[in-house]
Every structure is written in structure tokens, then in C-alpha cells.
Amino acid sequence: MARLRSGMDLILPPDAHEVAHHRLHVSITNTRTRKNLLVSSFSSREDLIQVLLASSFIPVYAGLRPVQYKGQKWMDGGLTNSLPILPGGRTVTVSPFSGRLDISPRDRGQLDLYVNISNQDIMLSVANLVRLQQALFPPSKGKLQGLHQRGFADAVQFLRRESWFEDRA
């Protein structure tokens, strides 16, 4: 968590909380009540950083002490709701796991069996088990670049399917 914090300190501009205000929605889970909270209002840069750290905290994997935010302890919102849907407009759903989402890998030749995990329908497949392992233990830089390219292609495919993509000659 300390490395993540220092990375955020280096990358985020001084006005990041103003830029993100009501544009970024971050899902966190209260460790005591196990209730999910979607945060989109950030009073300061430090407030934004604390919410981002909380959303990245997976117990044991990321440490033993949850992140403090507004006097309470929080952890990754994906543990209770990995696919929050915003109340207004259309929410584009994105996941690194193959499933019933707008943008995700499409596993071919698999049984059409799904499991709902934290509000997300995930396909039961060997490829998704590999993706879970890669999420917890990132592969080499070359492999990550390949995954990035595949995700980019999946996003472009979705944008074209929805007629939201403009090809430029």
C-alpha cells in the first residue's frame, strides 16, 4: 500500500480531486458493516487518495490494516459490489474477466456457465482462472502489454458495436 500511495503522490496533479469530482465513482466496502459505498465527491486531493487506496485494499493480500477514510475502515468495493451501476444514464460495464459485460474478454468454445460474484456474472472458464492469478500476481511486462492491447481492442469493438466510434481516414 505504501508503494501505491507513493505512486499516486507522484502521478496525481494537485487538483486531481476537482477533476475527479462527480466524474469518478469509486466503490469501497466498510469493514465493519460489509456495506458498499460509491464515492464520487472528493473534498481534497488527500480525500481522493484515501478513497483510491481503500478501493485497492484486499485484506491479507494488501496488508492487515484496512485504510482509514472519514473515521472508518474500508476495503476494496469489489468484495461486495464489483459492478456498480450509476443511477442516471448508461453505465458501461468493464471487466478483465469474461462474462456478461459490455467490455471484457470473450472466451470462445467454453460451456455457457456463469457464476455471480459481487454483482458480476463471470463465465466459469480456465481462462478466467488464469486472469485471476494474473490479477494477484502480475505477469511479465511483455505479457501485460499484450493484455493491454487485447483490452484496447475489446473497447474499440464495443464502441463500434454501439456506433460510438468514429473511424478517421
Protein backbone atom coordinates (compact mmCIF):
# COMPACT_ATOMS: atom_id res chain seq x y z
CA MET A 1 0.00 0.00 0.00
CA ALA A 2 2.95 2.34 0.67
CA ARG A 3 4.22 1.87 -2.90
CA LEU A 4 0.76 2.52 -4.28
CA ARG A 5 0.47 5.66 -2.15
CA SER A 6 3.82 7.00 -3.32
CA GLY A 7 2.86 6.28 -6.94
CA MET A 8 -0.35 8.25 -6.53
CA ASP A 9 1.56 11.12 -4.93
CA LEU A 10 3.83 11.23 -7.98
CA ILE A 11 1.13 10.92 -10.64
CA LEU A 12 -1.91 12.81 -9.39
CA PRO A 13 -1.91 16.56 -10.02
CA PRO A 14 -2.69 18.99 -7.16
CA ASP A 15 -6.25 19.49 -8.46
CA ALA A 16 -6.99 15.79 -9.09
CA HIS A 17 -9.88 15.84 -6.61
CA GLU A 18 -11.52 18.72 -8.52
CA VAL A 19 -11.09 16.99 -11.89
CA ALA A 20 -12.47 13.71 -10.47
CA HIS A 21 -15.38 15.34 -8.58
CA HIS A 22 -18.66 13.71 -9.76
CA ARG A 23 -16.80 12.17 -12.74
CA LEU A 24 -15.06 9.32 -10.97
CA HIS A 25 -17.11 6.86 -8.92
CA VAL A 26 -15.11 4.65 -6.56
CA SER A 27 -16.57 1.56 -4.89
CA ILE A 28 -15.45 0.79 -1.32
CA THR A 29 -16.65 -1.61 1.38
CA ASN A 30 -16.99 -0.81 5.07
CA THR A 31 -15.05 -3.47 7.00
CA ARG A 32 -17.41 -3.42 9.99
CA THR A 33 -20.81 -3.40 8.26
CA ARG A 34 -19.76 -5.01 4.93
CA LYS A 35 -21.88 -2.33 3.20
CA ASN A 36 -20.80 -0.98 -0.16
CA LEU A 37 -20.39 2.76 -0.75
CA LEU A 38 -19.94 4.53 -4.07
CA VAL A 39 -17.90 7.72 -3.60
CA SER A 40 -17.84 10.47 -6.23
CA SER A 41 -17.35 13.60 -4.14
CA PHE A 42 -13.81 14.43 -3.02
CA SER A 43 -13.13 17.36 -0.69
CA SER A 44 -9.36 17.33 -1.21
CA ARG A 45 -6.56 15.56 -3.04
CA GLU A 46 -5.85 13.60 0.15
CA ASP A 47 -9.53 12.59 0.34
CA LEU A 48 -9.34 11.23 -3.23
CA ILE A 49 -6.11 9.35 -2.46
CA GLN A 50 -7.62 7.73 0.66
CA VAL A 51 -10.66 6.55 -1.30
CA LEU A 52 -8.44 5.14 -4.07
CA LEU A 53 -6.27 3.37 -1.50
CA ALA A 54 -9.37 1.93 0.21
CA SER A 55 -10.66 0.67 -3.14
CA SER A 56 -7.34 -1.11 -3.65
CA PHE A 57 -7.15 -2.77 -0.24
CA ILE A 58 -7.69 -6.52 -0.39
CA PRO A 59 -7.32 -7.99 3.11
CA VAL A 60 -4.19 -10.09 3.68
CA TYR A 61 -3.01 -9.63 0.07
CA ALA A 62 -2.52 -5.86 0.54
CA GLY A 63 -1.85 -5.96 4.28
CA LEU A 64 -3.60 -6.45 7.57
CA ARG A 65 -4.76 -2.91 8.39
CA PRO A 66 -7.64 -1.54 6.30
CA VAL A 67 -7.50 2.03 5.01
CA GLN A 68 -8.98 4.79 7.18
CA TYR A 69 -11.41 7.10 5.40
CA LYS A 70 -13.62 9.57 7.27
CA GLY A 71 -13.02 7.83 10.59
CA GLN A 72 -13.96 4.34 9.41
CA LYS A 73 -12.06 1.38 7.98
CA TRP A 74 -12.59 0.46 4.33
CA MET A 75 -11.51 -2.12 1.77
CA ASP A 76 -11.99 -2.87 -1.93
CA GLY A 77 -15.57 -2.27 -3.06
CA GLY A 78 -15.26 -5.19 -5.46
CA LEU A 79 -15.59 -7.52 -2.50
CA THR A 80 -19.26 -6.51 -2.13
CA ASN A 81 -20.16 -4.91 -5.48
CA SER A 82 -17.63 -5.25 -8.28
CA LEU A 83 -20.02 -3.79 -10.86
CA PRO A 84 -21.79 -0.69 -9.53
CA ILE A 85 -24.42 0.74 -11.86
CA LEU A 86 -24.88 4.51 -11.71
CA PRO A 87 -28.43 5.77 -11.14
CA GLY A 88 -28.61 8.04 -14.19
CA GLY A 89 -27.70 7.40 -17.81
CA ARG A 90 -25.94 4.33 -19.13
CA THR A 91 -23.16 2.63 -17.22
CA VAL A 92 -20.64 0.91 -19.47
CA THR A 93 -19.56 -2.27 -17.70
CA VAL A 94 -15.90 -3.27 -17.98
CA SER A 95 -14.07 -6.26 -16.53
CA PRO A 96 -10.82 -8.16 -17.06
CA PHE A 97 -12.87 -11.36 -16.68
CA SER A 98 -15.01 -12.91 -19.40
CA GLY A 99 -18.68 -12.57 -18.61
CA ARG A 100 -21.91 -10.70 -19.34
CA LEU A 101 -20.38 -7.24 -19.65
CA ASP A 102 -20.08 -4.51 -22.26
CA ILE A 103 -16.29 -4.71 -22.44
CA SER A 104 -14.49 -7.89 -21.42
CA PRO A 105 -12.53 -10.74 -22.98
CA ARG A 106 -14.70 -13.13 -24.98
CA ASP A 107 -13.81 -16.73 -24.24
CA ARG A 108 -14.70 -18.96 -27.17
CA GLY A 109 -15.61 -22.64 -27.08
CA GLN A 110 -16.44 -22.64 -23.38
CA LEU A 111 -19.50 -24.01 -21.65
CA ASP A 112 -22.01 -21.24 -21.15
CA LEU A 113 -21.90 -21.43 -17.34
CA TYR A 114 -21.74 -18.28 -15.21
CA VAL A 115 -21.33 -17.52 -11.53
CA ASN A 116 -22.38 -14.24 -9.92
CA ILE A 117 -19.57 -12.85 -7.82
CA SER A 118 -20.13 -9.47 -6.16
CA ASN A 119 -22.82 -8.41 -8.63
CA GLN A 120 -20.88 -9.54 -11.71
CA ASP A 121 -21.73 -12.53 -13.93
CA ILE A 122 -18.40 -14.24 -14.62
CA MET A 123 -18.01 -17.16 -17.03
CA LEU A 124 -16.65 -20.35 -15.48
CA SER A 125 -13.53 -20.97 -17.55
CA VAL A 126 -9.89 -21.91 -17.23
CA ALA A 127 -9.00 -18.60 -18.93
CA ASN A 128 -10.76 -16.68 -16.14
CA LEU A 129 -8.83 -18.64 -13.51
CA VAL A 130 -5.61 -17.62 -15.29
CA ARG A 131 -6.82 -14.00 -15.31
CA LEU A 132 -7.48 -14.17 -11.55
CA GLN A 133 -3.97 -15.48 -10.97
CA GLN A 134 -2.57 -12.67 -13.17
CA ALA A 135 -4.58 -10.07 -11.23
CA LEU A 136 -2.99 -11.20 -7.99
CA PHE A 137 0.48 -11.94 -9.38
CA PRO A 138 1.12 -9.75 -12.44
CA PRO A 139 2.96 -11.42 -15.34
CA SER A 140 5.94 -10.02 -17.25
CA LYS A 141 5.90 -6.58 -18.83
CA GLY A 142 5.55 -8.11 -22.30
CA LYS A 143 2.52 -10.17 -21.24
CA LEU A 144 0.96 -7.10 -19.58
CA GLN A 145 1.43 -5.12 -22.80
CA GLY A 146 -0.35 -7.88 -24.69
CA LEU A 147 -3.24 -7.82 -22.19
CA HIS A 148 -3.42 -4.04 -22.56
CA GLN A 149 -3.64 -4.34 -26.35
CA ARG A 150 -6.35 -7.00 -26.07
CA GLY A 151 -8.36 -4.78 -23.69
CA PHE A 152 -7.97 -1.84 -26.05
CA ALA A 153 -9.24 -3.97 -28.94
CA ASP A 154 -12.20 -5.14 -26.82
CA ALA A 155 -13.06 -1.49 -26.04
CA VAL A 156 -12.85 -0.47 -29.71
CA GLN A 157 -15.04 -3.42 -30.68
CA PHE A 158 -17.67 -2.32 -28.13
CA LEU A 159 -17.56 1.30 -29.31
CA ARG A 160 -18.05 0.20 -32.92
CA ARG A 161 -20.89 -2.15 -31.98
CA GLU A 162 -22.66 0.75 -30.22
CA SER A 163 -21.86 3.16 -33.09
CA TRP A 164 -19.91 5.35 -30.66
CA PHE A 165 -16.64 5.07 -32.57
CA GLU A 166 -15.68 7.33 -35.44
CA ASP A 167 -13.12 5.87 -37.84
CA ARG A 168 -10.83 8.58 -39.15
CA ALA A 169 -9.23 8.22 -42.54
